[in-house]
Amino acid sequence: MPMTEREKEGAGKAARYLKVELKRAGVTYAELARRLNEHGLEETEDSITSKLGRGTFSATFLFACLAVLGIAAITLADL
């Protein structure tokens, strides 16, 4: 089922937020993949590039990324 415009908007905001946090932390997609793999998620630099480029990924992926970046809390206003 195709995403609605509102869903696309929310997905884009989440992807942009994650990209900003990666940049702020100085973490590359390759480093993010390594950290996620250490926590049992099978990700590659290419899979992360694809997810963030599309702007679509699961909440599980987002939460795992936040955890390995050491981000304990976000607010909806951050998105």
PDB file of N, CA and C in Angstrom:
ATOM      1  N   MET A   1       0.843  -1.174   0.000  1.00  0.00           N
ATOM      2  CA  MET A   1       0.000   0.000   0.000  1.00  0.00           C
ATOM      3  C   MET A   1       0.890   1.239   0.000  1.00  0.00           C
ATOM      4  N   PRO A   2       0.630   2.173  -0.901  1.00  0.00           N
ATOM      5  CA  PRO A   2       1.438   3.390  -0.960  1.00  0.00           C
ATOM      6  C   PRO A   2       1.269   4.251   0.294  1.00  0.00           C
ATOM      7  N   MET A   3       2.313   4.998   0.594  1.00  0.00           N
ATOM      8  CA  MET A   3       2.263   5.886   1.747  1.00  0.00           C
ATOM      9  C   MET A   3       1.462   7.139   1.402  1.00  0.00           C
ATOM     10  N   THR A   4       0.763   7.650   2.402  1.00  0.00           N
ATOM     11  CA  THR A   4       0.052   8.917   2.221  1.00  0.00           C
ATOM     12  C   THR A   4       1.066  10.056   2.261  1.00  0.00           C
ATOM     13  N   GLU A   5       0.639  11.228   1.851  1.00  0.00           N
ATOM     14  CA  GLU A   5       1.524  12.396   1.893  1.00  0.00           C
ATOM     15  C   GLU A   5       1.975  12.692   3.318  1.00  0.00           C
ATOM     16  N   ARG A   6       1.088  12.536   4.274  1.00  0.00           N
ATOM     17  CA  ARG A   6       1.436  12.782   5.681  1.00  0.00           C
ATOM     18  C   ARG A   6       2.480  11.766   6.160  1.00  0.00           C
ATOM     19  N   GLU A   7       2.333  10.501   5.749  1.00  0.00           N
ATOM     20  CA  GLU A   7       3.315   9.477   6.115  1.00  0.00           C
ATOM     21  C   GLU A   7       4.667   9.777   5.479  1.00  0.00           C
ATOM     22  N   LYS A   8       4.655  10.211   4.225  1.00  0.00           N
ATOM     23  CA  LYS A   8       5.905  10.563   3.548  1.00  0.00           C
ATOM     24  C   LYS A   8       6.593  11.724   4.253  1.00  0.00           C
ATOM     25  N   GLU A   9       5.802  12.699   4.673  1.00  0.00           N
ATOM     26  CA  GLU A   9       6.344  13.860   5.375  1.00  0.00           C
ATOM     27  C   GLU A   9       6.998  13.430   6.693  1.00  0.00           C
ATOM     28  N   GLY A  10       6.320  12.591   7.450  1.00  0.00           N
ATOM     29  CA  GLY A  10       6.863  12.109   8.715  1.00  0.00           C
ATOM     30  C   GLY A  10       8.117  11.278   8.522  1.00  0.00           C
ATOM     31  N   ALA A  11       8.108  10.421   7.509  1.00  0.00           N
ATOM     32  CA  ALA A  11       9.277   9.591   7.224  1.00  0.00           C
ATOM     33  C   ALA A  11      10.466  10.466   6.839  1.00  0.00           C
ATOM     34  N   GLY A  12      10.212  11.484   6.040  1.00  0.00           N
ATOM     35  CA  GLY A  12      11.287  12.390   5.640  1.00  0.00           C
ATOM     36  C   GLY A  12      11.876  13.128   6.820  1.00  0.00           C
ATOM     37  N   LYS A  13      11.028  13.560   7.722  1.00  0.00           N
ATOM     38  CA  LYS A  13      11.505  14.261   8.923  1.00  0.00           C
ATOM     39  C   LYS A  13      12.382  13.348   9.771  1.00  0.00           C
ATOM     40  N   ALA A  14      11.954  12.098   9.937  1.00  0.00           N
ATOM     41  CA  ALA A  14      12.737  11.146  10.742  1.00  0.00           C
ATOM     42  C   ALA A  14      14.094  10.888  10.099  1.00  0.00           C
ATOM     43  N   ALA A  15      14.108  10.742   8.779  1.00  0.00           N
ATOM     44  CA  ALA A  15      15.368  10.489   8.075  1.00  0.00           C
ATOM     45  C   ALA A  15      16.301  11.693   8.196  1.00  0.00           C
ATOM     46  N   ARG A  16      15.760  12.895   8.022  1.00  0.00           N
ATOM     47  CA  ARG A  16      16.591  14.102   8.142  1.00  0.00           C
ATOM     48  C   ARG A  16      17.142  14.236   9.561  1.00  0.00           C
ATOM     49  N   TYR A  17      16.306  13.956  10.556  1.00  0.00           N
ATOM     50  CA  TYR A  17      16.753  14.024  11.943  1.00  0.00           C
ATOM     51  C   TYR A  17      17.931  13.074  12.170  1.00  0.00           C
ATOM     52  N   LEU A  18      17.783  11.843  11.696  1.00  0.00           N
ATOM     53  CA  LEU A  18      18.839  10.851  11.901  1.00  0.00           C
ATOM     54  C   LEU A  18      20.121  11.264  11.176  1.00  0.00           C
ATOM     55  N   LYS A  19      20.005  11.790   9.974  1.00  0.00           N
ATOM     56  CA  LYS A  19      21.192  12.251   9.241  1.00  0.00           C
ATOM     57  C   LYS A  19      21.904  13.369   9.992  1.00  0.00           C
ATOM     58  N   VAL A  20      21.142  14.306  10.542  1.00  0.00           N
ATOM     59  CA  VAL A  20      21.729  15.412  11.310  1.00  0.00           C
ATOM     60  C   VAL A  20      22.461  14.882  12.535  1.00  0.00           C
ATOM     61  N   GLU A  21      21.839  13.943  13.232  1.00  0.00           N
ATOM     62  CA  GLU A  21      22.470  13.391  14.439  1.00  0.00           C
ATOM     63  C   GLU A  21      23.733  12.607  14.102  1.00  0.00           C
ATOM     64  N   LEU A  22      23.735  11.905  12.996  1.00  0.00           N
ATOM     65  CA  LEU A  22      24.945  11.195  12.569  1.00  0.00           C
ATOM     66  C   LEU A  22      26.056  12.191  12.271  1.00  0.00           C
ATOM     67  N   LYS A  23      25.721  13.254  11.557  1.00  0.00           N
ATOM     68  CA  LYS A  23      26.705  14.289  11.231  1.00  0.00           C
ATOM     69  C   LYS A  23      27.235  14.934  12.509  1.00  0.00           C
ATOM     70  N   ARG A  24      26.330  15.265  13.416  1.00  0.00           N
ATOM     71  CA  ARG A  24      26.714  15.893  14.684  1.00  0.00           C
ATOM     72  C   ARG A  24      27.674  15.004  15.475  1.00  0.00           C
ATOM     73  N   ALA A  25      27.436  13.699  15.440  1.00  0.00           N
ATOM     74  CA  ALA A  25      28.274  12.755  16.180  1.00  0.00           C
ATOM     75  C   ALA A  25      29.539  12.363  15.415  1.00  0.00           C
ATOM     76  N   GLY A  26      29.626  12.775  14.150  1.00  0.00           N
ATOM     77  CA  GLY A  26      30.790  12.408  13.347  1.00  0.00           C
ATOM     78  C   GLY A  26      30.812  10.928  13.001  1.00  0.00           C
ATOM     79  N   VAL A  27      29.623  10.348  12.870  1.00  0.00           N
ATOM     80  CA  VAL A  27      29.503   8.906  12.599  1.00  0.00           C
ATOM     81  C   VAL A  27      29.099   8.699  11.136  1.00  0.00           C
ATOM     82  N   THR A  28      29.900   7.930  10.421  1.00  0.00           N
ATOM     83  CA  THR A  28      29.601   7.614   9.026  1.00  0.00           C
ATOM     84  C   THR A  28      28.600   6.467   8.965  1.00  0.00           C
ATOM     85  N   TYR A  29      28.046   6.246   7.783  1.00  0.00           N
ATOM     86  CA  TYR A  29      27.130   5.111   7.610  1.00  0.00           C
ATOM     87  C   TYR A  29      27.863   3.797   7.871  1.00  0.00           C
ATOM     88  N   ALA A  30      29.127   3.710   7.466  1.00  0.00           N
ATOM     89  CA  ALA A  30      29.911   2.491   7.713  1.00  0.00           C
ATOM     90  C   ALA A  30      30.076   2.257   9.214  1.00  0.00           C
ATOM     91  N   GLU A  31      30.377   3.320   9.953  1.00  0.00           N
ATOM     92  CA  GLU A  31      30.524   3.201  11.413  1.00  0.00           C
ATOM     93  C   GLU A  31      29.195   2.862  12.067  1.00  0.00           C
ATOM     94  N   LEU A  32      28.111   3.457  11.579  1.00  0.00           N
ATOM     95  CA  LEU A  32      26.788   3.129  12.114  1.00  0.00           C
ATOM     96  C   LEU A  32      26.482   1.657  11.887  1.00  0.00           C
ATOM     97  N   ALA A  33      26.783   1.155  10.701  1.00  0.00           N
ATOM     98  CA  ALA A  33      26.561  -0.268  10.404  1.00  0.00           C
ATOM     99  C   ALA A  33      27.358  -1.141  11.373  1.00  0.00           C
ATOM    100  N   ARG A  34      28.606  -0.778  11.612  1.00  0.00           N
ATOM    101  CA  ARG A  34      29.441  -1.562  12.536  1.00  0.00           C
ATOM    102  C   ARG A  34      28.835  -1.585  13.927  1.00  0.00           C
ATOM    103  N   ARG A  35      28.397  -0.429  14.413  1.00  0.00           N
ATOM    104  CA  ARG A  35      27.801  -0.355  15.753  1.00  0.00           C
ATOM    105  C   ARG A  35      26.492  -1.149  15.827  1.00  0.00           C
ATOM    106  N   LEU A  36      25.676  -1.045  14.798  1.00  0.00           N
ATOM    107  CA  LEU A  36      24.413  -1.794  14.792  1.00  0.00           C
ATOM    108  C   LEU A  36      24.675  -3.295  14.762  1.00  0.00           C
ATOM    109  N   ASN A  37      25.674  -3.710  13.991  1.00  0.00           N
ATOM    110  CA  ASN A  37      26.017  -5.132  13.931  1.00  0.00           C
ATOM    111  C   ASN A  37      26.479  -5.650  15.286  1.00  0.00           C
ATOM    112  N   GLU A  38      27.192  -4.824  16.025  1.00  0.00           N
ATOM    113  CA  GLU A  38      27.616  -5.212  17.378  1.00  0.00           C
ATOM    114  C   GLU A  38      26.421  -5.451  18.291  1.00  0.00           C
ATOM    115  N   HIS A  39      25.303  -4.820  17.979  1.00  0.00           N
ATOM    116  CA  HIS A  39      24.085  -4.968  18.776  1.00  0.00           C
ATOM    117  C   HIS A  39      23.107  -5.961  18.154  1.00  0.00           C
ATOM    118  N   GLY A  40      23.570  -6.733  17.171  1.00  0.00           N
ATOM    119  CA  GLY A  40      22.756  -7.812  16.624  1.00  0.00           C
ATOM    120  C   GLY A  40      21.884  -7.448  15.438  1.00  0.00           C
ATOM    121  N   LEU A  41      21.956  -6.233  14.945  1.00  0.00           N
ATOM    122  CA  LEU A  41      21.204  -5.860  13.751  1.00  0.00           C
ATOM    123  C   LEU A  41      22.109  -6.017  12.536  1.00  0.00           C
ATOM    124  N   GLU A  42      21.643  -6.721  11.552  1.00  0.00           N
ATOM    125  CA  GLU A  42      22.446  -6.956  10.358  1.00  0.00           C
ATOM    126  C   GLU A  42      22.227  -5.823   9.371  1.00  0.00           C
ATOM    127  N   GLU A  43      23.135  -4.876   9.381  1.00  0.00           N
ATOM    128  CA  GLU A  43      23.074  -3.731   8.486  1.00  0.00           C
ATOM    129  C   GLU A  43      24.413  -3.572   7.796  1.00  0.00           C
ATOM    130  N   THR A  44      24.373  -2.993   6.612  1.00  0.00           N
ATOM    131  CA  THR A  44      25.581  -2.657   5.876  1.00  0.00           C
ATOM    132  C   THR A  44      25.540  -1.165   5.577  1.00  0.00           C
ATOM    133  N   GLU A  45      26.665  -0.645   5.157  1.00  0.00           N
ATOM    134  CA  GLU A  45      26.694   0.764   4.757  1.00  0.00           C
ATOM    135  C   GLU A  45      25.679   1.008   3.641  1.00  0.00           C
ATOM    136  N   ASP A  46      25.615   0.079   2.688  1.00  0.00           N
ATOM    137  CA  ASP A  46      24.668   0.229   1.573  1.00  0.00           C
ATOM    138  C   ASP A  46      23.216   0.176   2.017  1.00  0.00           C
ATOM    139  N   SER A  47      22.896  -0.713   2.970  1.00  0.00           N
ATOM    140  CA  SER A  47      21.506  -0.804   3.424  1.00  0.00           C
ATOM    141  C   SER A  47      21.094   0.465   4.156  1.00  0.00           C
ATOM    142  N   ILE A  48      22.021   1.046   4.909  1.00  0.00           N
ATOM    143  CA  ILE A  48      21.737   2.281   5.625  1.00  0.00           C
ATOM    144  C   ILE A  48      21.592   3.438   4.635  1.00  0.00           C
ATOM    145  N   THR A  49      22.475   3.491   3.658  1.00  0.00           N
ATOM    146  CA  THR A  49      22.382   4.522   2.617  1.00  0.00           C
ATOM    147  C   THR A  49      21.030   4.459   1.932  1.00  0.00           C
ATOM    148  N   SER A  50      20.590   3.253   1.626  1.00  0.00           N
ATOM    149  CA  SER A  50      19.306   3.060   0.957  1.00  0.00           C
ATOM    150  C   SER A  50      18.141   3.502   1.841  1.00  0.00           C
ATOM    151  N   LYS A  51      18.146   3.074   3.086  1.00  0.00           N
ATOM    152  CA  LYS A  51      17.058   3.433   4.009  1.00  0.00           C
ATOM    153  C   LYS A  51      16.956   4.936   4.208  1.00  0.00           C
ATOM    154  N   LEU A  52      18.087   5.577   4.427  1.00  0.00           N
ATOM    155  CA  LEU A  52      18.060   7.018   4.673  1.00  0.00           C
ATOM    156  C   LEU A  52      17.786   7.790   3.387  1.00  0.00           C
ATOM    157  N   GLY A  53      18.189   7.255   2.265  1.00  0.00           N
ATOM    158  CA  GLY A  53      17.895   7.893   0.988  1.00  0.00           C
ATOM    159  C   GLY A  53      16.412   7.836   0.647  1.00  0.00           C
ATOM    160  N   ARG A  54      15.794   6.693   0.901  1.00  0.00           N
ATOM    161  CA  ARG A  54      14.348   6.531   0.676  1.00  0.00           C
ATOM    162  C   ARG A  54      13.550   7.278   1.726  1.00  0.00           C
ATOM    163  N   GLY A  55      14.132   7.361   2.922  1.00  0.00           N
ATOM    164  CA  GLY A  55      13.420   7.979   4.032  1.00  0.00           C
ATOM    165  C   GLY A  55      12.443   7.036   4.691  1.00  0.00           C
ATOM    166  N   THR A  56      12.563   5.749   4.410  1.00  0.00           N
ATOM    167  CA  THR A  56      11.657   4.775   5.028  1.00  0.00           C
ATOM    168  C   THR A  56      12.463   3.713   5.761  1.00  0.00           C
ATOM    169  N   PHE A  57      12.100   3.535   7.018  1.00  0.00           N
ATOM    170  CA  PHE A  57      12.725   2.506   7.837  1.00  0.00           C
ATOM    171  C   PHE A  57      11.828   2.270   9.040  1.00  0.00           C
ATOM    172  N   SER A  58      12.067   1.151   9.697  1.00  0.00           N
ATOM    173  CA  SER A  58      11.224   0.775  10.834  1.00  0.00           C
ATOM    174  C   SER A  58      11.575   1.590  12.077  1.00  0.00           C
ATOM    175  N   ALA A  59      10.635   1.622  12.977  1.00  0.00           N
ATOM    176  CA  ALA A  59      10.882   2.264  14.270  1.00  0.00           C
ATOM    177  C   ALA A  59      12.022   1.536  14.990  1.00  0.00           C
ATOM    178  N   THR A  60      12.089   0.235  14.830  1.00  0.00           N
ATOM    179  CA  THR A  60      13.158  -0.547  15.448  1.00  0.00           C
ATOM    180  C   THR A  60      14.523  -0.050  14.976  1.00  0.00           C
ATOM    181  N   PHE A  61      14.649   0.197  13.685  1.00  0.00           N
ATOM    182  CA  PHE A  61      15.898   0.715  13.132  1.00  0.00           C
ATOM    183  C   PHE A  61      16.211   2.089  13.727  1.00  0.00           C
ATOM    184  N   LEU A  62      15.223   2.967  13.761  1.00  0.00           N
ATOM    185  CA  LEU A  62      15.425   4.303  14.319  1.00  0.00           C
ATOM    186  C   LEU A  62      15.863   4.224  15.776  1.00  0.00           C
ATOM    187  N   PHE A  63      15.158   3.433  16.573  1.00  0.00           N
ATOM    188  CA  PHE A  63      15.499   3.317  17.993  1.00  0.00           C
ATOM    189  C   PHE A  63      16.894   2.745  18.195  1.00  0.00           C
ATOM    190  N   ALA A  64      17.258   1.751  17.379  1.00  0.00           N
ATOM    191  CA  ALA A  64      18.592   1.165  17.485  1.00  0.00           C
ATOM    192  C   ALA A  64      19.658   2.194  17.135  1.00  0.00           C
ATOM    193  N   CYS A  65      19.411   2.989  16.099  1.00  0.00           N
ATOM    194  CA  CYS A  65      20.363   4.034  15.717  1.00  0.00           C
ATOM    195  C   CYS A  65      20.527   5.047  16.843  1.00  0.00           C
ATOM    196  N   LEU A  66      19.417   5.474  17.414  1.00  0.00           N
ATOM    197  CA  LEU A  66      19.478   6.430  18.520  1.00  0.00           C
ATOM    198  C   LEU A  66      20.270   5.845  19.690  1.00  0.00           C
ATOM    199  N   ALA A  67      20.046   4.578  19.975  1.00  0.00           N
ATOM    200  CA  ALA A  67      20.747   3.927  21.087  1.00  0.00           C
ATOM    201  C   ALA A  67      22.253   3.889  20.850  1.00  0.00           C
ATOM    202  N   VAL A  68      22.687   3.484  19.653  1.00  0.00           N
ATOM    203  CA  VAL A  68      24.130   3.380  19.410  1.00  0.00           C
ATOM    204  C   VAL A  68      24.788   4.748  19.287  1.00  0.00           C
ATOM    205  N   LEU A  69      23.973   5.782  19.040  1.00  0.00           N
ATOM    206  CA  LEU A  69      24.506   7.143  19.030  1.00  0.00           C
ATOM    207  C   LEU A  69      24.495   7.769  20.423  1.00  0.00           C
ATOM    208  N   GLY A  70      23.913   7.065  21.382  1.00  0.00           N
ATOM    209  CA  GLY A  70      23.881   7.564  22.755  1.00  0.00           C
ATOM    210  C   GLY A  70      22.830   8.635  22.977  1.00  0.00           C
ATOM    211  N   ILE A  71      21.810   8.654  22.130  1.00  0.00           N
ATOM    212  CA  ILE A  71      20.735   9.632  22.268  1.00  0.00           C
ATOM    213  C   ILE A  71      19.647   9.005  23.129  1.00  0.00           C
ATOM    214  N   ALA A  72      19.465   9.539  24.317  1.00  0.00           N
ATOM    215  CA  ALA A  72      18.535   8.941  25.278  1.00  0.00           C
ATOM    216  C   ALA A  72      17.109   9.420  25.095  1.00  0.00           C
ATOM    217  N   ALA A  73      16.933  10.599  24.520  1.00  0.00           N
ATOM    218  CA  ALA A  73      15.576  11.139  24.395  1.00  0.00           C
ATOM    219  C   ALA A  73      15.511  12.108  23.223  1.00  0.00           C
ATOM    220  N   ILE A  74      14.359  12.134  22.590  1.00  0.00           N
ATOM    221  CA  ILE A  74      14.056  13.137  21.577  1.00  0.00           C
ATOM    222  C   ILE A  74      12.632  13.610  21.821  1.00  0.00           C
ATOM    223  N   THR A  75      12.328  14.765  21.317  1.00  0.00           N
ATOM    224  CA  THR A  75      10.970  15.256  21.378  1.00  0.00           C
ATOM    225  C   THR A  75      10.431  15.355  19.959  1.00  0.00           C
ATOM    226  N   LEU A  76       9.131  15.347  19.826  1.00  0.00           N
ATOM    227  CA  LEU A  76       8.537  15.451  18.493  1.00  0.00           C
ATOM    228  C   LEU A  76       8.944  16.759  17.828  1.00  0.00           C
ATOM    229  N   ALA A  77       9.172  17.781  18.601  1.00  0.00           N
ATOM    230  CA  ALA A  77       9.602  19.067  18.036  1.00  0.00           C
ATOM    231  C   ALA A  77      10.965  18.936  17.363  1.00  0.00           C
ATOM    232  N   ASP A  78      11.798  17.955  17.805  1.00  0.00           N
ATOM    233  CA  ASP A  78      13.094  17.719  17.182  1.00  0.00           C
ATOM    234  C   ASP A  78      12.945  17.221  15.756  1.00  0.00           C
ATOM    235  N   LEU A  79      11.824  16.574  15.499  1.00  0.00           N
ATOM    236  CA  LEU A  79      11.601  16.030  14.158  1.00  0.00           C
ATOM    237  C   LEU A  79      11.033  17.108  13.283  1.00  0.00           C
TER     238      LEU A  79
END
